[in-house]
C-alpha cells in the first residue's frame, strides 16, 4: 500500500456477502413455493449471466428498478418455455427479494477479517442494490455491528462507479479520499470508482478472473489476506 489508510470501505455483494449462494437458495425456495418444476441447474445457468447484463443496464440508466425485477426473471422463464403475466412475474420477483434478504452465506474469512479490521479501523460499507433489500441483508447476516456507516448507492441517486456515491460515503464517514481504502470485487465499480475520487483500492478476486496491474490496485484471493496487508 502506498500509505496506510485511516478508514476502510468495503463492498457487500460478491465481496463479503456471497450473492450467488444466497441467490441460488432464494430461487430454490421460490420455485418450490410456486410449484414451478424446472431443472434448477438450467435455471441458474441462464439466470446468472442474464442478471449480470440486466444489472449493468440498470447501472447505466437503461432500466428502472421495477424493470430489473421483471426483465431478469421473465427472460429466464421465456427461455425455459414458461409464460407468466407481468403481474405474476413481479410478484414472484418481490418474493425472491424477500428470500434473498434472509440469506446469511458469507465468503470464507469474512467474519474473522471484519473482526480483525474493526479493532483497528472505522469500517464502512458502500453497496449497489435495492435499499429495502440491502439493509435487511446486513442485519440478517450479522454484519451491521462491524460498520460505522452504510451507503446504499440507490440513496444517492446513482450507482457505483459514479463519483457521487463515493463522495457521499466519504462525507458520511467524516473522512477524505486520500485517507481511505476501498475493497471490492468489481474493477469498474469498486476499484476504478474509488481510484477516480482519490481513494486507494484493493480488488477481491477469489476466482482469479482479472489481471489487474499492481499499479492500479493490489489483488487478494481471500479476505483474510487483508489482515496481513493492513
Protein backbone atom coordinates (compact mmCIF):
# COMPACT_ATOMS: atom_id res chain seq x y z
CA UNK A 1 0.00 0.00 0.00
CA UNK A 2 1.35 3.48 -0.84
CA UNK A 3 0.33 4.64 2.62
CA UNK A 4 -1.68 3.25 5.49
CA UNK A 5 -5.37 4.22 5.29
CA UNK A 6 -7.36 5.55 8.23
CA UNK A 7 -10.78 4.34 7.05
CA UNK A 8 -11.70 1.11 5.26
CA UNK A 9 -14.68 0.92 2.90
CA UNK A 10 -15.96 -2.43 1.65
CA UNK A 11 -18.41 -3.61 -0.96
CA UNK A 12 -21.16 -6.03 0.16
CA UNK A 13 -22.35 -8.35 -2.63
CA UNK A 14 -19.70 -10.68 -4.10
CA UNK A 15 -17.16 -9.31 -1.59
CA UNK A 16 -18.42 -10.07 1.92
CA UNK A 17 -21.91 -11.42 1.29
CA UNK A 18 -21.94 -14.45 -1.02
CA UNK A 19 -24.52 -13.27 -3.53
CA UNK A 20 -24.55 -16.31 -5.80
CA UNK A 21 -25.01 -18.80 -2.96
CA UNK A 22 -27.73 -16.74 -1.31
CA UNK A 23 -29.45 -16.01 -4.61
CA UNK A 24 -29.48 -19.68 -5.61
CA UNK A 25 -31.02 -20.63 -2.26
CA UNK A 26 -33.65 -17.90 -2.64
CA UNK A 27 -34.67 -19.14 -6.08
CA UNK A 28 -34.89 -22.73 -4.84
CA UNK A 29 -37.34 -21.54 -2.18
CA UNK A 30 -39.30 -19.51 -4.72
CA UNK A 31 -39.64 -22.29 -7.28
CA UNK A 32 -40.67 -24.76 -4.59
CA UNK A 33 -43.24 -22.35 -3.15
CA UNK A 34 -44.68 -21.66 -6.61
CA UNK A 35 -44.63 -25.36 -7.60
CA UNK A 36 -42.66 -24.50 -10.72
CA UNK A 37 -40.85 -27.65 -11.78
CA UNK A 38 -37.89 -26.57 -13.87
CA UNK A 39 -34.37 -28.06 -13.91
CA UNK A 40 -32.77 -25.86 -11.25
CA UNK A 41 -29.24 -26.07 -12.64
CA UNK A 42 -30.54 -24.93 -16.03
CA UNK A 43 -32.48 -22.09 -14.39
CA UNK A 44 -29.37 -20.84 -12.62
CA UNK A 45 -27.16 -21.33 -15.67
CA UNK A 46 -29.44 -18.96 -17.58
CA UNK A 47 -30.12 -16.58 -14.70
CA UNK A 48 -26.62 -15.54 -13.66
CA UNK A 49 -25.49 -14.04 -17.00
CA UNK A 50 -28.94 -12.54 -17.59
CA UNK A 51 -28.88 -10.89 -14.18
CA UNK A 52 -25.40 -9.51 -14.83
CA UNK A 53 -26.44 -7.91 -18.13
CA UNK A 54 -29.69 -6.52 -16.74
CA UNK A 55 -27.91 -5.08 -13.72
CA UNK A 56 -25.28 -3.43 -15.95
CA UNK A 57 -28.10 -1.88 -17.95
CA UNK A 58 -29.70 -0.65 -14.72
CA UNK A 59 -26.39 0.89 -13.63
CA UNK A 60 -26.19 2.66 -16.99
CA UNK A 61 -29.69 4.07 -16.55
CA UNK A 62 -31.28 1.91 -19.26
CA UNK A 63 -33.73 0.13 -16.94
CA UNK A 64 -35.71 1.24 -13.93
CA UNK A 65 -35.72 -0.70 -10.69
CA UNK A 66 -39.11 -2.26 -11.50
CA UNK A 67 -37.93 -3.24 -14.97
CA UNK A 68 -34.91 -5.01 -13.48
CA UNK A 69 -37.14 -7.08 -11.23
CA UNK A 70 -39.36 -8.17 -14.12
CA UNK A 71 -36.95 -8.47 -17.04
CA UNK A 72 -34.35 -10.73 -15.46
CA UNK A 73 -36.92 -13.26 -14.25
CA UNK A 74 -39.13 -13.07 -17.35
CA UNK A 75 -36.12 -13.65 -19.59
CA UNK A 76 -35.23 -16.86 -17.77
CA UNK A 77 -38.79 -18.18 -17.81
CA UNK A 78 -39.16 -17.30 -21.50
CA UNK A 79 -36.04 -19.28 -22.36
CA UNK A 80 -37.30 -22.24 -20.36
CA UNK A 81 -40.66 -22.13 -22.13
CA UNK A 82 -42.78 -20.77 -19.27
CA UNK A 83 -45.14 -17.85 -19.85
CA UNK A 84 -46.38 -15.75 -16.94
CA UNK A 85 -48.25 -12.41 -16.98
CA UNK A 86 -46.12 -9.39 -15.96
CA UNK A 87 -48.04 -9.07 -12.69
CA UNK A 88 -47.18 -12.63 -11.74
CA UNK A 89 -43.55 -12.10 -12.68
CA UNK A 90 -43.35 -9.00 -10.49
CA UNK A 91 -45.00 -10.80 -7.56
CA UNK A 92 -42.50 -13.65 -7.82
CA UNK A 93 -39.62 -11.21 -8.20
CA UNK A 94 -40.62 -9.45 -4.99
CA UNK A 95 -40.93 -12.80 -3.23
CA UNK A 96 -37.44 -13.73 -4.42
CA UNK A 97 -36.09 -10.49 -2.94
CA UNK A 98 -37.73 -11.35 0.37
CA UNK A 99 -35.98 -14.72 0.39
CA UNK A 100 -32.72 -13.12 -0.80
CA UNK A 101 -32.69 -10.66 2.11
CA UNK A 102 -32.80 -13.61 4.51
CA UNK A 103 -29.53 -15.00 3.13
CA UNK A 104 -26.66 -15.39 5.56
CA UNK A 105 -23.91 -17.03 3.48
CA UNK A 106 -20.67 -15.05 3.63
CA UNK A 107 -17.32 -15.52 1.90
CA UNK A 108 -14.71 -17.58 3.76
CA UNK A 109 -12.84 -15.48 6.29
CA UNK A 110 -15.35 -12.63 6.22
CA UNK A 111 -16.27 -12.56 9.91
CA UNK A 112 -12.71 -13.21 11.03
CA UNK A 113 -11.37 -10.41 8.84
CA UNK A 114 -14.07 -7.92 9.79
CA UNK A 115 -13.47 -8.63 13.47
CA UNK A 116 -9.75 -8.03 13.00
CA UNK A 117 -10.16 -4.84 10.97
CA UNK A 118 -12.88 -3.38 13.19
CA UNK A 119 -10.42 -3.28 16.08
CA UNK A 120 -8.01 -1.15 14.06
CA UNK A 121 -10.09 0.95 11.65
CA UNK A 122 -13.50 2.52 11.27
CA UNK A 123 -15.26 0.30 8.71
CA UNK A 124 -17.86 1.39 6.17
CA UNK A 125 -19.99 -0.28 3.51
CA UNK A 126 -20.66 1.07 0.03
CA UNK A 127 -23.09 -1.14 -1.84
CA UNK A 128 -25.14 -1.06 -5.00
CA UNK A 129 -28.51 -2.73 -4.73
CA UNK A 130 -32.05 -2.01 -3.68
CA UNK A 131 -32.32 -0.12 -0.40
CA UNK A 132 -35.10 -2.27 1.02
CA UNK A 133 -33.04 -5.42 0.40
CA UNK A 134 -29.50 -4.34 1.30
CA UNK A 135 -30.23 -3.19 4.84
CA UNK A 136 -32.06 -6.44 5.56
CA UNK A 137 -29.11 -8.46 4.23
CA UNK A 138 -26.74 -6.58 6.52
CA UNK A 139 -28.98 -7.06 9.54
CA UNK A 140 -29.86 -10.71 8.93
CA UNK A 141 -26.30 -11.83 8.22
CA UNK A 142 -24.90 -10.27 11.41
CA UNK A 143 -22.78 -7.67 9.62
CA UNK A 144 -24.32 -4.49 11.00
CA UNK A 145 -22.19 -4.42 14.15
CA UNK A 146 -18.95 -4.09 12.18
CA UNK A 147 -19.77 -0.91 10.25
CA UNK A 148 -19.85 2.70 11.37
CA UNK A 149 -21.69 3.79 8.23
CA UNK A 150 -23.57 2.16 5.36
CA UNK A 151 -24.10 3.82 1.99
CA UNK A 152 -26.57 2.13 -0.35
CA UNK A 153 -25.96 3.79 -3.68
CA UNK A 154 -29.65 3.99 -4.55
CA UNK A 155 -29.96 6.55 -1.75
CA UNK A 156 -27.55 8.85 -3.60
CA UNK A 157 -29.43 8.77 -6.91
CA UNK A 158 -26.59 6.95 -8.71
CA UNK A 159 -24.72 3.65 -8.67
CA UNK A 160 -21.04 2.86 -8.29
CA UNK A 161 -18.74 3.77 -10.03
CA UNK A 162 -20.35 7.23 -10.08
CA UNK A 163 -18.09 9.61 -8.12
CA UNK A 164 -21.08 10.97 -6.23
CA UNK A 165 -21.60 7.63 -4.49
CA UNK A 166 -18.06 7.59 -3.10
CA UNK A 167 -18.12 11.27 -2.17
CA UNK A 168 -21.40 10.73 -0.31
CA UNK A 169 -19.90 7.78 1.56
CA UNK A 170 -16.75 9.69 2.46
CA UNK A 171 -18.74 12.63 3.77
CA UNK A 172 -20.98 10.30 5.77
CA UNK A 173 -17.90 8.67 7.27
CA UNK A 174 -16.34 12.03 8.12
CA UNK A 175 -13.15 11.38 6.19
CA UNK A 176 -11.45 12.24 2.91
CA UNK A 177 -10.43 10.19 -0.10
CA UNK A 178 -6.66 10.11 0.38
CA UNK A 179 -7.10 8.66 3.87
CA UNK A 180 -9.43 5.91 2.69
CA UNK A 181 -9.27 2.45 1.10
CA UNK A 182 -11.99 0.67 -0.90
CA UNK A 183 -12.16 -3.15 -1.10
CA UNK A 184 -14.45 -4.75 -3.67
CA UNK A 185 -14.84 -7.40 -6.36
CA UNK A 186 -15.54 -5.16 -9.36
CA UNK A 187 -12.71 -3.48 -11.24
CA UNK A 188 -15.07 -0.92 -12.73
CA UNK A 189 -17.48 -0.27 -9.87
CA UNK A 190 -15.18 -0.61 -6.87
CA UNK A 191 -11.54 -0.22 -7.86
CA UNK A 192 -11.75 2.37 -10.63
CA UNK A 193 -14.69 4.09 -8.98
CA UNK A 194 -12.64 4.57 -5.82
CA UNK A 195 -9.41 5.47 -7.60
CA UNK A 196 -11.21 8.12 -9.64
CA UNK A 197 -12.06 10.07 -6.49
CA UNK A 198 -8.59 9.66 -4.97
CA UNK A 199 -9.06 6.61 -2.75
CA UNK A 200 -6.76 3.63 -2.61
CA UNK A 201 -8.30 0.31 -3.62
CA UNK A 202 -7.92 -3.45 -3.31
CA UNK A 203 -9.53 -5.90 -5.73
CA UNK A 204 -11.13 -9.03 -4.25
CA UNK A 205 -10.93 -11.69 -6.96
CA UNK A 206 -11.38 -15.17 -5.45
CA UNK A 207 -11.86 -16.89 -8.82
CA UNK A 208 -8.82 -15.26 -10.44
CA UNK A 209 -10.87 -13.71 -13.23
CA UNK A 210 -8.99 -10.42 -13.56
CA UNK A 211 -5.42 -9.49 -14.40
CA UNK A 212 -5.14 -6.10 -12.76
CA UNK A 213 -1.76 -4.34 -12.67
CA UNK A 214 -0.41 -3.84 -9.16
CA UNK A 215 0.00 -0.16 -10.02
CA UNK A 216 -3.80 0.13 -10.28
CA UNK A 217 -4.61 -1.91 -7.17
CA UNK A 218 -3.32 -5.00 -5.36
CA UNK A 219 -5.44 -8.14 -5.72
CA UNK A 220 -6.44 -10.59 -2.99
CA UNK A 221 -7.96 -14.06 -3.43
CA UNK A 222 -9.17 -14.47 0.15
CA UNK A 223 -10.46 -11.83 2.55
CA UNK A 224 -8.04 -12.95 5.26
CA UNK A 225 -5.21 -11.50 3.14
CA UNK A 226 -6.42 -8.08 4.27
CA UNK A 227 -5.22 -8.89 7.77
CA UNK A 228 -1.64 -9.18 6.53
CA UNK A 229 -1.94 -6.27 4.13
CA UNK A 230 -3.39 -3.93 6.77
